[in-house]
Amino acid sequence: MTFKEEFLTELEDCLRGYGAVPVIDPDALARFIDHVRRLPDDDARLRCLERVDQGSGSFWNNPAVWWEQVPRFGIGSSDCSELLDRMLDEAISDEIDVLEMEIRELPG
C-alpha cells in the first residue's frame, strides 16, 4: 500500500466515524479526501509527509496533525490545500523536535 493509499484510508475511516479522530464537518473532510485523491502520487507534499514519517512516526503519531487539524477542518477554513500544508508543517515541526531531542541525548 502506498503512502497516499494509507492516508486516504485513514481519512475515509475518520469520515465513517471509526478512524483516529472524530469529524466535526463531514462534508469538508469529504472534499479534502477528494482533493488528496486527485493529487498525483508524486505530489511534493505527499512525498515529504511520507519521508518525514518514515523514521519517527511524526505524521501518523502526531496529535497536532490528527487531533487538531483533521477534526476542525471546515470550521473557519475549508481550503484543502491549506490543510495539507498545515499537516505537513506540523509533521516537519514534530520531526525537528524529535531530532533535537536525539541530538541532546548523544554522548559528549
N, C-alpha and C. Protein backbone atom coordinates (compact mmCIF):
# COMPACT_ATOMS: atom_id res chain seq x y z
N MET A 1 0.84 -1.17 0.00
CA MET A 1 0.00 0.00 0.00
C MET A 1 0.90 1.25 0.00
N THR A 2 0.59 2.19 -0.86
CA THR A 2 1.38 3.42 -0.93
C THR A 2 1.00 4.35 0.23
N PHE A 3 1.83 5.34 0.46
CA PHE A 3 1.55 6.33 1.49
C PHE A 3 0.21 7.01 1.21
N LYS A 4 0.00 7.39 -0.03
CA LYS A 4 -1.25 8.08 -0.40
C LYS A 4 -2.46 7.19 -0.12
N GLU A 5 -2.37 5.93 -0.47
CA GLU A 5 -3.49 5.00 -0.21
C GLU A 5 -3.74 4.86 1.29
N GLU A 6 -2.67 4.76 2.06
CA GLU A 6 -2.81 4.66 3.50
C GLU A 6 -3.42 5.94 4.09
N PHE A 7 -2.99 7.07 3.61
CA PHE A 7 -3.51 8.36 4.04
C PHE A 7 -5.01 8.45 3.74
N LEU A 8 -5.38 8.11 2.52
CA LEU A 8 -6.80 8.14 2.14
C LEU A 8 -7.63 7.18 2.98
N THR A 9 -7.11 6.01 3.24
CA THR A 9 -7.83 5.03 4.06
C THR A 9 -8.08 5.58 5.46
N GLU A 10 -7.07 6.19 6.05
CA GLU A 10 -7.23 6.75 7.40
C GLU A 10 -8.26 7.89 7.40
N LEU A 11 -8.19 8.76 6.40
CA LEU A 11 -9.15 9.86 6.30
C LEU A 11 -10.57 9.33 6.09
N GLU A 12 -10.72 8.32 5.24
CA GLU A 12 -12.04 7.74 4.99
C GLU A 12 -12.59 7.07 6.25
N ASP A 13 -11.72 6.43 7.03
CA ASP A 13 -12.15 5.84 8.30
C ASP A 13 -12.65 6.92 9.25
N CYS A 14 -11.97 8.06 9.29
CA CYS A 14 -12.42 9.18 10.13
C CYS A 14 -13.79 9.67 9.66
N LEU A 15 -13.97 9.75 8.36
CA LEU A 15 -15.23 10.20 7.79
C LEU A 15 -16.37 9.25 8.16
N ARG A 16 -16.08 7.96 8.20
CA ARG A 16 -17.10 6.95 8.54
C ARG A 16 -17.37 6.85 10.04
N GLY A 17 -16.52 7.52 10.83
CA GLY A 17 -16.76 7.55 12.26
C GLY A 17 -15.98 6.56 13.08
N TYR A 18 -15.08 5.80 12.48
CA TYR A 18 -14.30 4.85 13.26
C TYR A 18 -12.80 5.02 13.02
N GLY A 19 -12.41 6.20 12.63
CA GLY A 19 -11.00 6.49 12.41
C GLY A 19 -10.33 7.02 13.66
N ALA A 20 -9.18 7.61 13.48
CA ALA A 20 -8.35 8.07 14.59
C ALA A 20 -8.99 9.22 15.36
N VAL A 21 -9.79 10.03 14.69
CA VAL A 21 -10.37 11.21 15.34
C VAL A 21 -11.81 11.43 14.90
N PRO A 22 -12.60 12.12 15.74
CA PRO A 22 -13.96 12.48 15.33
C PRO A 22 -13.90 13.61 14.30
N VAL A 23 -14.95 13.76 13.54
CA VAL A 23 -15.01 14.77 12.49
C VAL A 23 -16.19 15.70 12.77
N ILE A 24 -15.93 17.00 12.77
CA ILE A 24 -16.99 17.98 13.03
C ILE A 24 -17.77 18.29 11.77
N ASP A 25 -17.07 18.41 10.63
CA ASP A 25 -17.72 18.77 9.37
C ASP A 25 -17.42 17.68 8.32
N PRO A 26 -18.26 16.65 8.25
CA PRO A 26 -18.02 15.54 7.31
C PRO A 26 -17.94 15.98 5.85
N ASP A 27 -18.74 16.97 5.47
CA ASP A 27 -18.71 17.42 4.07
C ASP A 27 -17.35 18.03 3.72
N ALA A 28 -16.79 18.80 4.64
CA ALA A 28 -15.47 19.40 4.40
C ALA A 28 -14.41 18.31 4.31
N LEU A 29 -14.47 17.33 5.20
CA LEU A 29 -13.49 16.24 5.15
C LEU A 29 -13.64 15.44 3.86
N ALA A 30 -14.86 15.24 3.40
CA ALA A 30 -15.08 14.52 2.13
C ALA A 30 -14.44 15.29 0.98
N ARG A 31 -14.54 16.63 1.01
CA ARG A 31 -13.88 17.44 -0.04
C ARG A 31 -12.36 17.29 0.05
N PHE A 32 -11.83 17.25 1.28
CA PHE A 32 -10.39 17.08 1.45
C PHE A 32 -9.95 15.72 0.92
N ILE A 33 -10.71 14.68 1.19
CA ILE A 33 -10.40 13.34 0.69
C ILE A 33 -10.35 13.36 -0.83
N ASP A 34 -11.34 14.00 -1.46
CA ASP A 34 -11.34 14.10 -2.93
C ASP A 34 -10.12 14.88 -3.42
N HIS A 35 -9.75 15.92 -2.70
CA HIS A 35 -8.57 16.72 -3.06
C HIS A 35 -7.32 15.84 -3.03
N VAL A 36 -7.13 15.09 -1.94
CA VAL A 36 -5.96 14.22 -1.82
C VAL A 36 -5.99 13.13 -2.90
N ARG A 37 -7.15 12.58 -3.16
CA ARG A 37 -7.28 11.53 -4.17
C ARG A 37 -6.85 12.04 -5.55
N ARG A 38 -7.14 13.30 -5.84
CA ARG A 38 -6.79 13.86 -7.16
C ARG A 38 -5.32 14.25 -7.29
N LEU A 39 -4.61 14.33 -6.16
CA LEU A 39 -3.19 14.68 -6.23
C LEU A 39 -2.40 13.57 -6.92
N PRO A 40 -1.42 13.93 -7.71
CA PRO A 40 -0.57 12.89 -8.30
C PRO A 40 0.23 12.19 -7.21
N ASP A 41 0.55 10.94 -7.45
CA ASP A 41 1.31 10.17 -6.46
C ASP A 41 2.66 10.80 -6.14
N ASP A 42 3.19 11.58 -7.08
CA ASP A 42 4.49 12.21 -6.84
C ASP A 42 4.36 13.65 -6.34
N ASP A 43 3.19 14.02 -5.83
CA ASP A 43 2.99 15.35 -5.26
C ASP A 43 4.04 15.60 -4.18
N ALA A 44 4.67 16.76 -4.23
CA ALA A 44 5.78 17.07 -3.31
C ALA A 44 5.37 16.99 -1.85
N ARG A 45 4.16 17.46 -1.51
CA ARG A 45 3.73 17.43 -0.10
C ARG A 45 3.51 16.00 0.37
N LEU A 46 2.93 15.16 -0.45
CA LEU A 46 2.75 13.75 -0.06
C LEU A 46 4.09 13.06 0.10
N ARG A 47 5.02 13.33 -0.81
CA ARG A 47 6.35 12.73 -0.70
C ARG A 47 7.05 13.19 0.57
N CYS A 48 6.91 14.48 0.90
CA CYS A 48 7.52 15.00 2.13
C CYS A 48 6.90 14.37 3.36
N LEU A 49 5.58 14.25 3.39
CA LEU A 49 4.92 13.62 4.53
C LEU A 49 5.40 12.19 4.71
N GLU A 50 5.51 11.47 3.62
CA GLU A 50 5.97 10.09 3.69
C GLU A 50 7.39 10.02 4.23
N ARG A 51 8.25 10.89 3.75
CA ARG A 51 9.65 10.86 4.19
C ARG A 51 9.81 11.29 5.64
N VAL A 52 9.07 12.32 6.05
CA VAL A 52 9.14 12.79 7.43
C VAL A 52 8.71 11.68 8.37
N ASP A 53 7.73 10.91 7.98
CA ASP A 53 7.16 9.90 8.88
C ASP A 53 7.98 8.62 8.96
N GLN A 54 8.80 8.36 7.99
CA GLN A 54 9.49 7.07 7.91
C GLN A 54 10.29 6.73 9.16
N GLY A 55 10.97 7.70 9.74
CA GLY A 55 11.83 7.40 10.87
C GLY A 55 11.16 7.44 12.22
N SER A 56 10.31 8.43 12.44
CA SER A 56 9.82 8.66 13.79
C SER A 56 8.31 8.59 13.95
N GLY A 57 7.58 8.48 12.88
CA GLY A 57 6.12 8.49 13.00
C GLY A 57 5.59 9.89 13.24
N SER A 58 6.33 10.91 12.80
CA SER A 58 5.96 12.29 13.05
C SER A 58 4.68 12.73 12.34
N PHE A 59 4.18 11.92 11.46
CA PHE A 59 2.90 12.24 10.82
C PHE A 59 1.78 11.41 11.42
N TRP A 60 1.89 10.11 11.36
CA TRP A 60 0.81 9.25 11.83
C TRP A 60 0.58 9.35 13.34
N ASN A 61 1.63 9.59 14.11
CA ASN A 61 1.52 9.61 15.56
C ASN A 61 1.51 11.01 16.14
N ASN A 62 1.17 12.00 15.35
CA ASN A 62 1.26 13.39 15.77
C ASN A 62 -0.12 13.94 16.14
N PRO A 63 -0.37 14.18 17.43
CA PRO A 63 -1.67 14.72 17.83
C PRO A 63 -1.97 16.08 17.22
N ALA A 64 -0.92 16.90 16.96
CA ALA A 64 -1.15 18.20 16.36
C ALA A 64 -1.71 18.08 14.94
N VAL A 65 -1.43 16.98 14.29
CA VAL A 65 -1.99 16.74 12.96
C VAL A 65 -3.38 16.15 13.09
N TRP A 66 -3.47 15.04 13.79
CA TRP A 66 -4.72 14.27 13.80
C TRP A 66 -5.77 14.79 14.77
N TRP A 67 -5.39 15.33 15.90
CA TRP A 67 -6.39 15.80 16.86
C TRP A 67 -6.68 17.28 16.75
N GLU A 68 -5.82 18.04 16.12
CA GLU A 68 -6.06 19.48 16.00
C GLU A 68 -6.47 19.88 14.59
N GLN A 69 -5.87 19.30 13.57
CA GLN A 69 -6.14 19.72 12.20
C GLN A 69 -7.37 19.05 11.59
N VAL A 70 -7.41 17.74 11.65
CA VAL A 70 -8.46 16.99 10.95
C VAL A 70 -9.86 17.22 11.53
N PRO A 71 -10.07 17.09 12.83
CA PRO A 71 -11.43 17.24 13.35
C PRO A 71 -12.04 18.62 13.09
N ARG A 72 -11.23 19.66 13.12
CA ARG A 72 -11.74 21.03 12.99
C ARG A 72 -11.82 21.51 11.55
N PHE A 73 -11.37 20.69 10.61
CA PHE A 73 -11.37 21.13 9.22
C PHE A 73 -12.80 21.43 8.78
N GLY A 74 -12.98 22.58 8.17
CA GLY A 74 -14.29 23.02 7.72
C GLY A 74 -14.90 24.06 8.65
N ILE A 75 -14.35 24.17 9.85
CA ILE A 75 -14.80 25.19 10.78
C ILE A 75 -13.85 26.38 10.63
N GLY A 76 -14.33 27.42 10.02
CA GLY A 76 -13.48 28.59 9.78
C GLY A 76 -12.81 28.55 8.42
N SER A 77 -12.16 27.46 8.10
CA SER A 77 -11.48 27.33 6.82
C SER A 77 -11.73 25.95 6.24
N SER A 78 -11.98 25.92 4.96
CA SER A 78 -12.16 24.62 4.29
C SER A 78 -11.29 24.55 3.03
N ASP A 79 -10.15 25.23 3.09
CA ASP A 79 -9.20 25.21 1.98
C ASP A 79 -8.38 23.93 2.08
N CYS A 80 -8.59 23.02 1.15
CA CYS A 80 -7.94 21.71 1.18
C CYS A 80 -6.43 21.79 1.07
N SER A 81 -5.95 22.65 0.21
CA SER A 81 -4.51 22.80 0.04
C SER A 81 -3.88 23.36 1.32
N GLU A 82 -4.57 24.29 1.96
CA GLU A 82 -4.08 24.86 3.22
C GLU A 82 -4.01 23.80 4.32
N LEU A 83 -5.02 22.93 4.39
CA LEU A 83 -4.99 21.86 5.39
C LEU A 83 -3.80 20.94 5.18
N LEU A 84 -3.57 20.56 3.95
CA LEU A 84 -2.42 19.69 3.65
C LEU A 84 -1.10 20.38 4.03
N ASP A 85 -1.02 21.68 3.75
CA ASP A 85 0.17 22.43 4.14
C ASP A 85 0.34 22.45 5.66
N ARG A 86 -0.74 22.67 6.40
CA ARG A 86 -0.66 22.70 7.87
C ARG A 86 -0.27 21.32 8.41
N MET A 87 -0.80 20.27 7.83
CA MET A 87 -0.44 18.92 8.26
C MET A 87 1.05 18.68 8.06
N LEU A 88 1.56 19.09 6.91
CA LEU A 88 2.98 18.95 6.60
C LEU A 88 3.83 19.79 7.56
N ASP A 89 3.40 21.03 7.80
CA ASP A 89 4.14 21.90 8.73
C ASP A 89 4.22 21.27 10.12
N GLU A 90 3.11 20.73 10.60
CA GLU A 90 3.08 20.10 11.93
C GLU A 90 3.99 18.88 11.98
N ALA A 91 3.95 18.06 10.92
CA ALA A 91 4.78 16.85 10.89
C ALA A 91 6.27 17.21 10.85
N ILE A 92 6.62 18.22 10.07
CA ILE A 92 8.02 18.64 9.99
C ILE A 92 8.47 19.23 11.33
N SER A 93 7.64 20.04 11.93
CA SER A 93 7.97 20.62 13.23
C SER A 93 8.20 19.53 14.28
N ASP A 94 7.34 18.53 14.28
CA ASP A 94 7.50 17.41 15.21
C ASP A 94 8.79 16.65 14.94
N GLU A 95 9.10 16.44 13.68
CA GLU A 95 10.33 15.73 13.31
C GLU A 95 11.56 16.50 13.78
N ILE A 96 11.53 17.82 13.63
CA ILE A 96 12.65 18.64 14.10
C ILE A 96 12.80 18.50 15.61
N ASP A 97 11.68 18.51 16.33
CA ASP A 97 11.72 18.34 17.79
C ASP A 97 12.34 16.99 18.17
N VAL A 98 11.95 15.94 17.45
CA VAL A 98 12.49 14.60 17.72
C VAL A 98 14.00 14.58 17.47
N LEU A 99 14.43 15.16 16.37
CA LEU A 99 15.86 15.18 16.05
C LEU A 99 16.65 16.00 17.07
N GLU A 100 16.11 17.13 17.49
CA GLU A 100 16.79 17.93 18.51
C GLU A 100 16.93 17.16 19.81
N MET A 101 15.91 16.43 20.20
CA MET A 101 15.96 15.64 21.42
C MET A 101 17.01 14.54 21.29
N GLU A 102 17.06 13.89 20.13
CA GLU A 102 18.06 12.83 19.93
C GLU A 102 19.47 13.39 19.96
N ILE A 103 19.66 14.59 19.42
CA ILE A 103 21.00 15.21 19.44
C ILE A 103 21.41 15.53 20.87
N ARG A 104 20.49 16.04 21.67
CA ARG A 104 20.80 16.37 23.07
C ARG A 104 21.17 15.12 23.87
N GLU A 105 20.64 13.97 23.46
CA GLU A 105 20.90 12.73 24.19
C GLU A 105 22.21 12.05 23.75
N LEU A 106 22.85 12.56 22.71
CA LEU A 106 24.11 11.97 22.25
C LEU A 106 25.19 12.19 23.31
N PRO A 107 26.04 11.20 23.50
CA PRO A 107 27.13 11.38 24.47
C PRO A 107 28.11 12.44 23.99
N GLY A 108 28.66 13.17 24.94
CA GLY A 108 29.71 14.14 24.65
C GLY A 108 29.14 15.37 24.11
